C-alpha cells in the first residue's frame, strides 16, 4: 500500500495544515523555476557589458603597454571591432 503523504507538501493535524518536514513550499518552487531564465538573461547581459568595458579599456592602452602584455595594436582593433555580445 502506498503512503498517501508521499506526494504532498502539507500534513493535516487537528484541523490545521502544516508543512511536511523538509518540504519546499510550492510558491518557492514556482518562483525558483520561473526566475532561472531571467537570471540566465541577466548573466548574459552583464557578461556582454563587462566584455565591452574591457575592450574599451584595451583600446585606451598605448603601444608601449600593449607590447608589455604581448598584444599588437592590430589585435586590439580586431577585438574592439567585435559586437559587444560576441565573445
PDB file of N, CA and C in Angstrom:
ATOM      1  N   UNK A   1       0.834  -1.176   0.000  1.00  0.00           N
ATOM      2  CA  UNK A   1       0.000   0.000   0.000  1.00  0.00           C
ATOM      3  C   UNK A   1       0.887   1.250   0.000  1.00  0.00           C
ATOM      4  N   UNK A   2       0.546   2.222  -0.837  1.00  0.00           N
ATOM      5  CA  UNK A   2       1.330   3.443  -0.960  1.00  0.00           C
ATOM      6  C   UNK A   2       0.947   4.446   0.122  1.00  0.00           C
ATOM      7  N   UNK A   3       1.959   5.115   0.642  1.00  0.00           N
ATOM      8  CA  UNK A   3       1.728   6.117   1.680  1.00  0.00           C
ATOM      9  C   UNK A   3       1.045   7.339   1.063  1.00  0.00           C
ATOM     10  N   UNK A   4      -0.128   7.770   1.534  1.00  0.00           N
ATOM     11  CA  UNK A   4      -0.833   8.909   0.943  1.00  0.00           C
ATOM     12  C   UNK A   4      -0.096  10.234   1.147  1.00  0.00           C
ATOM     13  N   UNK A   5       0.816  10.324   2.096  1.00  0.00           N
ATOM     14  CA  UNK A   5       1.542  11.568   2.357  1.00  0.00           C
ATOM     15  C   UNK A   5       2.790  11.712   1.494  1.00  0.00           C
ATOM     16  N   UNK A   6       3.095  10.720   0.715  1.00  0.00           N
ATOM     17  CA  UNK A   6       4.328  10.708  -0.058  1.00  0.00           C
ATOM     18  C   UNK A   6       4.403  11.830  -1.095  1.00  0.00           C
ATOM     19  N   UNK A   7       3.308  12.204  -1.692  1.00  0.00           N
ATOM     20  CA  UNK A   7       3.308  13.162  -2.794  1.00  0.00           C
ATOM     21  C   UNK A   7       2.731  14.524  -2.425  1.00  0.00           C
ATOM     22  N   UNK A   8       2.751  14.870  -1.178  1.00  0.00           N
ATOM     23  CA  UNK A   8       2.153  16.136  -0.770  1.00  0.00           C
ATOM     24  C   UNK A   8       3.149  16.966   0.031  1.00  0.00           C
ATOM     25  N   UNK A   9       2.889  18.274   0.056  1.00  0.00           N
ATOM     26  CA  UNK A   9       3.749  19.201   0.792  1.00  0.00           C
ATOM     27  C   UNK A   9       3.212  19.520   2.174  1.00  0.00           C
ATOM     28  N   UNK A  10       1.990  19.155   2.459  1.00  0.00           N
ATOM     29  CA  UNK A  10       1.378  19.535   3.736  1.00  0.00           C
ATOM     30  C   UNK A  10       0.808  18.319   4.442  1.00  0.00           C
ATOM     31  N   UNK A  11       0.716  18.442   5.735  1.00  0.00           N
ATOM     32  CA  UNK A  11       0.038  17.423   6.536  1.00  0.00           C
ATOM     33  C   UNK A  11      -1.055  18.121   7.320  1.00  0.00           C
ATOM     34  N   UNK A  12      -2.055  17.340   7.698  1.00  0.00           N
ATOM     35  CA  UNK A  12      -3.152  17.930   8.455  1.00  0.00           C
ATOM     36  C   UNK A  12      -3.202  17.271   9.816  1.00  0.00           C
ATOM     37  N   UNK A  13      -3.132  18.104  10.823  1.00  0.00           N
ATOM     38  CA  UNK A  13      -3.249  17.586  12.178  1.00  0.00           C
ATOM     39  C   UNK A  13      -4.108  18.558  12.972  1.00  0.00           C
ATOM     40  N   UNK A  14      -5.081  18.030  13.635  1.00  0.00           N
ATOM     41  CA  UNK A  14      -6.002  18.797  14.499  1.00  0.00           C
ATOM     42  C   UNK A  14      -6.619  20.003  13.783  1.00  0.00           C
ATOM     43  N   UNK A  15      -7.000  19.824  12.520  1.00  0.00           N
ATOM     44  CA  UNK A  15      -7.712  20.885  11.823  1.00  0.00           C
ATOM     45  C   UNK A  15      -6.850  21.964  11.199  1.00  0.00           C
ATOM     46  N   UNK A  16      -5.528  21.940  11.363  1.00  0.00           N
ATOM     47  CA  UNK A  16      -4.666  22.945  10.748  1.00  0.00           C
ATOM     48  C   UNK A  16      -3.707  22.257   9.785  1.00  0.00           C
ATOM     49  N   UNK A  17      -3.268  22.989   8.789  1.00  0.00           N
ATOM     50  CA  UNK A  17      -2.316  22.459   7.819  1.00  0.00           C
ATOM     51  C   UNK A  17      -0.927  22.946   8.168  1.00  0.00           C
ATOM     52  N   UNK A  18       0.031  22.050   8.143  1.00  0.00           N
ATOM     53  CA  UNK A  18       1.423  22.408   8.387  1.00  0.00           C
ATOM     54  C   UNK A  18       2.283  21.767   7.311  1.00  0.00           C
ATOM     55  N   UNK A  19       3.405  22.370   7.025  1.00  0.00           N
ATOM     56  CA  UNK A  19       4.312  21.830   6.007  1.00  0.00           C
ATOM     57  C   UNK A  19       4.940  20.545   6.510  1.00  0.00           C
ATOM     58  N   UNK A  20       5.047  19.586   5.617  1.00  0.00           N
ATOM     59  CA  UNK A  20       5.723  18.340   5.957  1.00  0.00           C
ATOM     60  C   UNK A  20       7.200  18.628   6.168  1.00  0.00           C
ATOM     61  N   UNK A  21       7.874  17.891   7.031  1.00  0.00           N
ATOM     62  CA  UNK A  21       9.305  18.128   7.266  1.00  0.00           C
ATOM     63  C   UNK A  21      10.095  18.026   5.963  1.00  0.00           C
ATOM     64  N   UNK A  22      10.892  19.028   5.693  1.00  0.00           N
ATOM     65  CA  UNK A  22      11.739  19.040   4.505  1.00  0.00           C
ATOM     66  C   UNK A  22      11.040  19.452   3.227  1.00  0.00           C
ATOM     67  N   UNK A  23       9.763  19.753   3.261  1.00  0.00           N
ATOM     68  CA  UNK A  23       9.022  20.132   2.061  1.00  0.00           C
ATOM     69  C   UNK A  23       9.329  21.577   1.692  1.00  0.00           C
ATOM     70  N   UNK A  24       9.442  21.829   0.413  1.00  0.00           N
ATOM     71  CA  UNK A  24       9.638  23.182  -0.094  1.00  0.00           C
ATOM     72  C   UNK A  24       8.281  23.700  -0.535  1.00  0.00           C
ATOM     73  N   UNK A  25       7.865  24.854  -0.027  1.00  0.00           N
ATOM     74  CA  UNK A  25       6.554  25.381  -0.413  1.00  0.00           C
ATOM     75  C   UNK A  25       6.432  25.517  -1.933  1.00  0.00           C
ATOM     76  N   UNK A  26       5.251  25.226  -2.451  1.00  0.00           N
ATOM     77  CA  UNK A  26       5.022  25.255  -3.898  1.00  0.00           C
ATOM     78  C   UNK A  26       5.345  26.626  -4.482  1.00  0.00           C
ATOM     79  N   UNK A  27       4.995  27.700  -3.785  1.00  0.00           N
ATOM     80  CA  UNK A  27       5.269  29.047  -4.298  1.00  0.00           C
ATOM     81  C   UNK A  27       6.766  29.267  -4.479  1.00  0.00           C
ATOM     82  N   UNK A  28       7.578  28.733  -3.570  1.00  0.00           N
ATOM     83  CA  UNK A  28       9.030  28.864  -3.688  1.00  0.00           C
ATOM     84  C   UNK A  28       9.548  28.090  -4.884  1.00  0.00           C
ATOM     85  N   UNK A  29       9.011  26.886  -5.108  1.00  0.00           N
ATOM     86  CA  UNK A  29       9.438  26.090  -6.257  1.00  0.00           C
ATOM     87  C   UNK A  29       9.100  26.802  -7.558  1.00  0.00           C
ATOM     88  N   UNK A  30       7.912  27.347  -7.645  1.00  0.00           N
ATOM     89  CA  UNK A  30       7.490  28.057  -8.851  1.00  0.00           C
ATOM     90  C   UNK A  30       8.374  29.277  -9.076  1.00  0.00           C
ATOM     91  N   UNK A  31       8.655  30.029  -8.023  1.00  0.00           N
ATOM     92  CA  UNK A  31       9.488  31.228  -8.151  1.00  0.00           C
ATOM     93  C   UNK A  31      10.892  30.870  -8.612  1.00  0.00           C
ATOM     94  N   UNK A  32      11.454  29.777  -8.076  1.00  0.00           N
ATOM     95  CA  UNK A  32      12.801  29.376  -8.487  1.00  0.00           C
ATOM     96  C   UNK A  32      12.838  28.981  -9.952  1.00  0.00           C
ATOM     97  N   UNK A  33      11.890  28.212 -10.389  1.00  0.00           N
ATOM     98  CA  UNK A  33      11.859  27.762 -11.784  1.00  0.00           C
ATOM     99  C   UNK A  33      11.621  28.942 -12.717  1.00  0.00           C
ATOM    100  N   UNK A  34      10.726  29.842 -12.344  1.00  0.00           N
ATOM    101  CA  UNK A  34      10.415  30.991 -13.186  1.00  0.00           C
ATOM    102  C   UNK A  34      11.578  31.963 -13.271  1.00  0.00           C
ATOM    103  N   UNK A  35      12.412  32.033 -12.243  1.00  0.00           N
ATOM    104  CA  UNK A  35      13.498  33.013 -12.239  1.00  0.00           C
ATOM    105  C   UNK A  35      14.730  32.539 -12.991  1.00  0.00           C
ATOM    106  N   UNK A  36      14.841  31.247 -13.264  1.00  0.00           N
ATOM    107  CA  UNK A  36      16.035  30.750 -13.953  1.00  0.00           C
ATOM    108  C   UNK A  36      16.274  31.413 -15.300  1.00  0.00           C
ATOM    109  N   UNK A  37      15.285  31.507 -16.194  1.00  0.00           N
ATOM    110  CA  UNK A  37      15.542  32.182 -17.471  1.00  0.00           C
ATOM    111  C   UNK A  37      15.922  33.646 -17.281  1.00  0.00           C
ATOM    112  N   UNK A  38      15.303  34.306 -16.315  1.00  0.00           N
ATOM    113  CA  UNK A  38      15.633  35.702 -16.050  1.00  0.00           C
ATOM    114  C   UNK A  38      17.090  35.830 -15.621  1.00  0.00           C
ATOM    115  N   UNK A  39      17.544  34.969 -14.702  1.00  0.00           N
ATOM    116  CA  UNK A  39      18.940  35.033 -14.251  1.00  0.00           C
ATOM    117  C   UNK A  39      19.895  34.743 -15.401  1.00  0.00           C
ATOM    118  N   UNK A  40      19.524  33.826 -16.277  1.00  0.00           N
ATOM    119  CA  UNK A  40      20.363  33.493 -17.433  1.00  0.00           C
ATOM    120  C   UNK A  40      20.513  34.708 -18.344  1.00  0.00           C
ATOM    121  N   UNK A  41      19.406  35.392 -18.605  1.00  0.00           N
ATOM    122  CA  UNK A  41      19.435  36.587 -19.457  1.00  0.00           C
ATOM    123  C   UNK A  41      20.260  37.684 -18.801  1.00  0.00           C
ATOM    124  N   UNK A  42      20.055  37.898 -17.510  1.00  0.00           N
ATOM    125  CA  UNK A  42      20.831  38.929 -16.801  1.00  0.00           C
ATOM    126  C   UNK A  42      22.312  38.602 -16.797  1.00  0.00           C
ATOM    127  N   UNK A  43      22.657  37.333 -16.605  1.00  0.00           N
ATOM    128  CA  UNK A  43      24.060  36.925 -16.626  1.00  0.00           C
ATOM    129  C   UNK A  43      24.681  37.189 -17.990  1.00  0.00           C
ATOM    130  N   UNK A  44      23.969  36.861 -19.058  1.00  0.00           N
ATOM    131  CA  UNK A  44      24.469  37.115 -20.411  1.00  0.00           C
ATOM    132  C   UNK A  44      24.633  38.617 -20.664  1.00  0.00           C
ATOM    133  N   UNK A  45      23.676  39.404 -20.197  1.00  0.00           N
ATOM    134  CA  UNK A  45      23.747  40.850 -20.384  1.00  0.00           C
ATOM    135  C   UNK A  45      24.936  41.445 -19.643  1.00  0.00           C
ATOM    136  N   UNK A  46      25.108  41.078 -18.377  1.00  0.00           N
ATOM    137  CA  UNK A  46      26.225  41.623 -17.605  1.00  0.00           C
ATOM    138  C   UNK A  46      27.572  41.161 -18.159  1.00  0.00           C
ATOM    139  N   UNK A  47      27.641  39.951 -18.653  1.00  0.00           N
ATOM    140  CA  UNK A  47      28.876  39.462 -19.274  1.00  0.00           C
ATOM    141  C   UNK A  47      29.207  40.269 -20.522  1.00  0.00           C
ATOM    142  N   UNK A  48      28.192  40.544 -21.331  1.00  0.00           N
ATOM    143  CA  UNK A  48      28.406  41.320 -22.556  1.00  0.00           C
ATOM    144  C   UNK A  48      28.847  42.742 -22.223  1.00  0.00           C
ATOM    145  N   UNK A  49      28.236  43.350 -21.224  1.00  0.00           N
ATOM    146  CA  UNK A  49      28.630  44.707 -20.834  1.00  0.00           C
ATOM    147  C   UNK A  49      30.042  44.745 -20.269  1.00  0.00           C
ATOM    148  N   UNK A  50      30.412  43.723 -19.503  1.00  0.00           N
ATOM    149  CA  UNK A  50      31.779  43.647 -18.968  1.00  0.00           C
ATOM    150  C   UNK A  50      32.787  43.479 -20.102  1.00  0.00           C
ATOM    151  N   UNK A  51      32.446  42.654 -21.084  1.00  0.00           N
ATOM    152  CA  UNK A  51      33.322  42.451 -22.242  1.00  0.00           C
ATOM    153  C   UNK A  51      33.516  43.771 -22.991  1.00  0.00           C
ATOM    154  N   UNK A  52      32.435  44.543 -23.164  1.00  0.00           N
ATOM    155  CA  UNK A  52      32.512  45.846 -23.831  1.00  0.00           C
ATOM    156  C   UNK A  52      33.428  46.794 -23.054  1.00  0.00           C
ATOM    157  N   UNK A  53      33.285  46.807 -21.746  1.00  0.00           N
ATOM    158  CA  UNK A  53      34.110  47.673 -20.888  1.00  0.00           C
ATOM    159  C   UNK A  53      35.596  47.305 -21.006  1.00  0.00           C
ATOM    160  N   UNK A  54      35.885  46.018 -21.009  1.00  0.00           N
ATOM    161  CA  UNK A  54      37.275  45.570 -21.123  1.00  0.00           C
ATOM    162  C   UNK A  54      37.872  45.917 -22.481  1.00  0.00           C
ATOM    163  N   UNK A  55      37.071  45.796 -23.528  1.00  0.00           N
ATOM    164  CA  UNK A  55      37.562  46.153 -24.866  1.00  0.00           C
ATOM    165  C   UNK A  55      37.856  47.642 -24.966  1.00  0.00           C
ATOM    166  N   UNK A  56      37.001  48.465 -24.352  1.00  0.00           N
ATOM    167  CA  UNK A  56      37.253  49.903 -24.353  1.00  0.00           C
ATOM    168  C   UNK A  56      38.530  50.230 -23.586  1.00  0.00           C
ATOM    169  N   UNK A  57      38.752  49.567 -22.465  1.00  0.00           N
ATOM    170  CA  UNK A  57      39.968  49.796 -21.680  1.00  0.00           C
ATOM    171  C   UNK A  57      41.207  49.367 -22.468  1.00  0.00           C
ATOM    172  N   UNK A  58      41.096  48.283 -23.200  1.00  0.00           N
ATOM    173  CA  UNK A  58      42.205  47.803 -24.021  1.00  0.00           C
ATOM    174  C   UNK A  58      42.538  48.813 -25.115  1.00  0.00           C
ATOM    175  N   UNK A  59      41.510  49.432 -25.695  1.00  0.00           N
ATOM    176  CA  UNK A  59      41.737  50.441 -26.737  1.00  0.00           C
ATOM    177  C   UNK A  59      42.465  51.667 -26.196  1.00  0.00           C
ATOM    178  N   UNK A  60      42.321  51.932 -24.917  1.00  0.00           N
ATOM    179  CA  UNK A  60      42.945  53.118 -24.314  1.00  0.00           C
ATOM    180  C   UNK A  60      44.436  52.925 -24.020  1.00  0.00           C
ATOM    181  N   UNK A  61      44.890  51.682 -24.048  1.00  0.00           N
ATOM    182  CA  UNK A  61      46.314  51.432 -23.755  1.00  0.00           C
ATOM    183  C   UNK A  61      47.179  51.908 -24.909  1.00  0.00           C
ATOM    184  N   UNK A  62      48.354  52.478 -24.561  1.00  0.00           N
ATOM    185  CA  UNK A  62      49.270  52.900 -25.629  1.00  0.00           C
ATOM    186  C   UNK A  62      50.081  51.705 -26.135  1.00  0.00           C
ATOM    187  N   UNK A  63      50.789  51.899 -27.234  1.00  0.00           N
ATOM    188  CA  UNK A  63      51.514  50.796 -27.879  1.00  0.00           C
ATOM    189  C   UNK A  63      52.574  50.183 -26.968  1.00  0.00           C
ATOM    190  N   UNK A  64      53.199  51.003 -26.129  1.00  0.00           N
ATOM    191  CA  UNK A  64      54.214  50.502 -25.206  1.00  0.00           C
ATOM    192  C   UNK A  64      53.600  49.499 -24.213  1.00  0.00           C
ATOM    193  N   UNK A  65      52.444  49.836 -23.653  1.00  0.00           N
ATOM    194  CA  UNK A  65      51.778  48.930 -22.718  1.00  0.00           C
ATOM    195  C   UNK A  65      51.277  47.667 -23.422  1.00  0.00           C
ATOM    196  N   UNK A  66      50.785  47.828 -24.640  1.00  0.00           N
ATOM    197  CA  UNK A  66      50.340  46.662 -25.403  1.00  0.00           C
ATOM    198  C   UNK A  66      51.510  45.713 -25.669  1.00  0.00           C
ATOM    199  N   UNK A  67      52.671  46.281 -25.963  1.00  0.00           N
ATOM    200  CA  UNK A  67      53.868  45.455 -26.191  1.00  0.00           C
ATOM    201  C   UNK A  67      54.226  44.694 -24.916  1.00  0.00           C
ATOM    202  N   UNK A  68      54.069  45.337 -23.762  1.00  0.00           N
ATOM    203  CA  UNK A  68      54.365  44.681 -22.478  1.00  0.00           C
ATOM    204  C   UNK A  68      53.486  43.454 -22.250  1.00  0.00           C
ATOM    205  N   UNK A  69      52.244  43.509 -22.680  1.00  0.00           N
ATOM    206  CA  UNK A  69      51.360  42.367 -22.468  1.00  0.00           C
ATOM    207  C   UNK A  69      51.327  41.429 -23.678  1.00  0.00           C
ATOM    208  N   UNK A  70      52.099  41.756 -24.702  1.00  0.00           N
ATOM    209  CA  UNK A  70      52.223  40.855 -25.851  1.00  0.00           C
ATOM    210  C   UNK A  70      51.067  40.896 -26.821  1.00  0.00           C
ATOM    211  N   UNK A  71      50.482  42.083 -26.971  1.00  0.00           N
ATOM    212  CA  UNK A  71      49.342  42.233 -27.878  1.00  0.00           C
ATOM    213  C   UNK A  71      49.645  43.363 -28.856  1.00  0.00           C
ATOM    214  N   UNK A  72      49.364  43.134 -30.122  1.00  0.00           N
ATOM    215  CA  UNK A  72      49.621  44.183 -31.121  1.00  0.00           C
ATOM    216  C   UNK A  72      48.402  45.101 -31.237  1.00  0.00           C
ATOM    217  N   UNK A  73      48.630  46.292 -31.795  1.00  0.00           N
ATOM    218  CA  UNK A  73      47.541  47.246 -31.995  1.00  0.00           C
ATOM    219  C   UNK A  73      46.493  46.651 -32.952  1.00  0.00           C
ATOM    220  N   UNK A  74      46.933  45.895 -33.945  1.00  0.00           N
ATOM    221  CA  UNK A  74      46.001  45.270 -34.895  1.00  0.00           C
ATOM    222  C   UNK A  74      45.093  44.264 -34.178  1.00  0.00           C
ATOM    223  N   UNK A  75      45.647  43.497 -33.248  1.00  0.00           N
ATOM    224  CA  UNK A  75      44.840  42.538 -32.484  1.00  0.00           C
ATOM    225  C   UNK A  75      43.805  43.259 -31.618  1.00  0.00           C
ATOM    226  N   UNK A  76      44.229  44.373 -31.026  1.00  0.00           N
ATOM    227  CA  UNK A  76      43.320  45.153 -30.191  1.00  0.00           C
ATOM    228  C   UNK A  76      42.187  45.717 -31.041  1.00  0.00           C
ATOM    229  N   UNK A  77      42.507  46.256 -32.197  1.00  0.00           N
ATOM    230  CA  UNK A  77      41.470  46.822 -33.059  1.00  0.00           C
ATOM    231  C   UNK A  77      40.519  45.746 -33.573  1.00  0.00           C
ATOM    232  N   UNK A  78      41.054  44.568 -33.865  1.00  0.00           N
ATOM    233  CA  UNK A  78      40.205  43.455 -34.304  1.00  0.00           C
ATOM    234  C   UNK A  78      39.251  43.037 -33.172  1.00  0.00           C
ATOM    235  N   UNK A  79      39.767  42.974 -31.954  1.00  0.00           N
ATOM    236  CA  UNK A  79      38.933  42.604 -30.797  1.00  0.00           C
ATOM    237  C   UNK A  79      37.894  43.681 -30.508  1.00  0.00           C
ATOM    238  N   UNK A  80      38.297  44.931 -30.591  1.00  0.00           N
ATOM    239  CA  UNK A  80      37.388  46.038 -30.283  1.00  0.00           C
ATOM    240  C   UNK A  80      36.302  46.207 -31.344  1.00  0.00           C
ATOM    241  N   UNK A  81      36.543  45.728 -32.543  1.00  0.00           N
ATOM    242  CA  UNK A  81      35.546  45.880 -33.603  1.00  0.00           C
ATOM    243  C   UNK A  81      34.418  44.849 -33.504  1.00  0.00           C
ATOM    244  N   UNK A  82      34.576  43.846 -32.645  1.00  0.00           N
ATOM    245  CA  UNK A  82      33.534  42.836 -32.465  1.00  0.00           C
ATOM    246  C   UNK A  82      32.326  43.451 -31.761  1.00  0.00           C
ATOM    247  N   UNK A  83      31.143  42.982 -32.081  1.00  0.00           N
ATOM    248  CA  UNK A  83      29.961  43.452 -31.333  1.00  0.00           C
ATOM    249  C   UNK A  83      30.082  43.035 -29.866  1.00  0.00           C
ATOM    250  N   UNK A  84      29.486  43.808 -28.979  1.00  0.00           N
ATOM    251  CA  UNK A  84      29.650  43.558 -27.546  1.00  0.00           C
ATOM    252  C   UNK A  84      29.121  42.196 -27.118  1.00  0.00           C
ATOM    253  N   UNK A  85      28.187  41.628 -27.863  1.00  0.00           N
ATOM    254  CA  UNK A  85      27.608  40.333 -27.456  1.00  0.00           C
ATOM    255  C   UNK A  85      28.453  39.147 -27.878  1.00  0.00           C
ATOM    256  N   UNK A  86      29.457  39.371 -28.727  1.00  0.00           N
ATOM    257  CA  UNK A  86      30.310  38.259 -29.157  1.00  0.00           C
ATOM    258  C   UNK A  86      31.515  38.126 -28.247  1.00  0.00           C
ATOM    259  N   UNK A  87      31.815  36.891 -27.892  1.00  0.00           N
ATOM    260  CA  UNK A  87      32.946  36.601 -27.013  1.00  0.00           C
ATOM    261  C   UNK A  87      34.265  36.587 -27.711  1.00  0.00           C
TER     262      UNK A  87
END
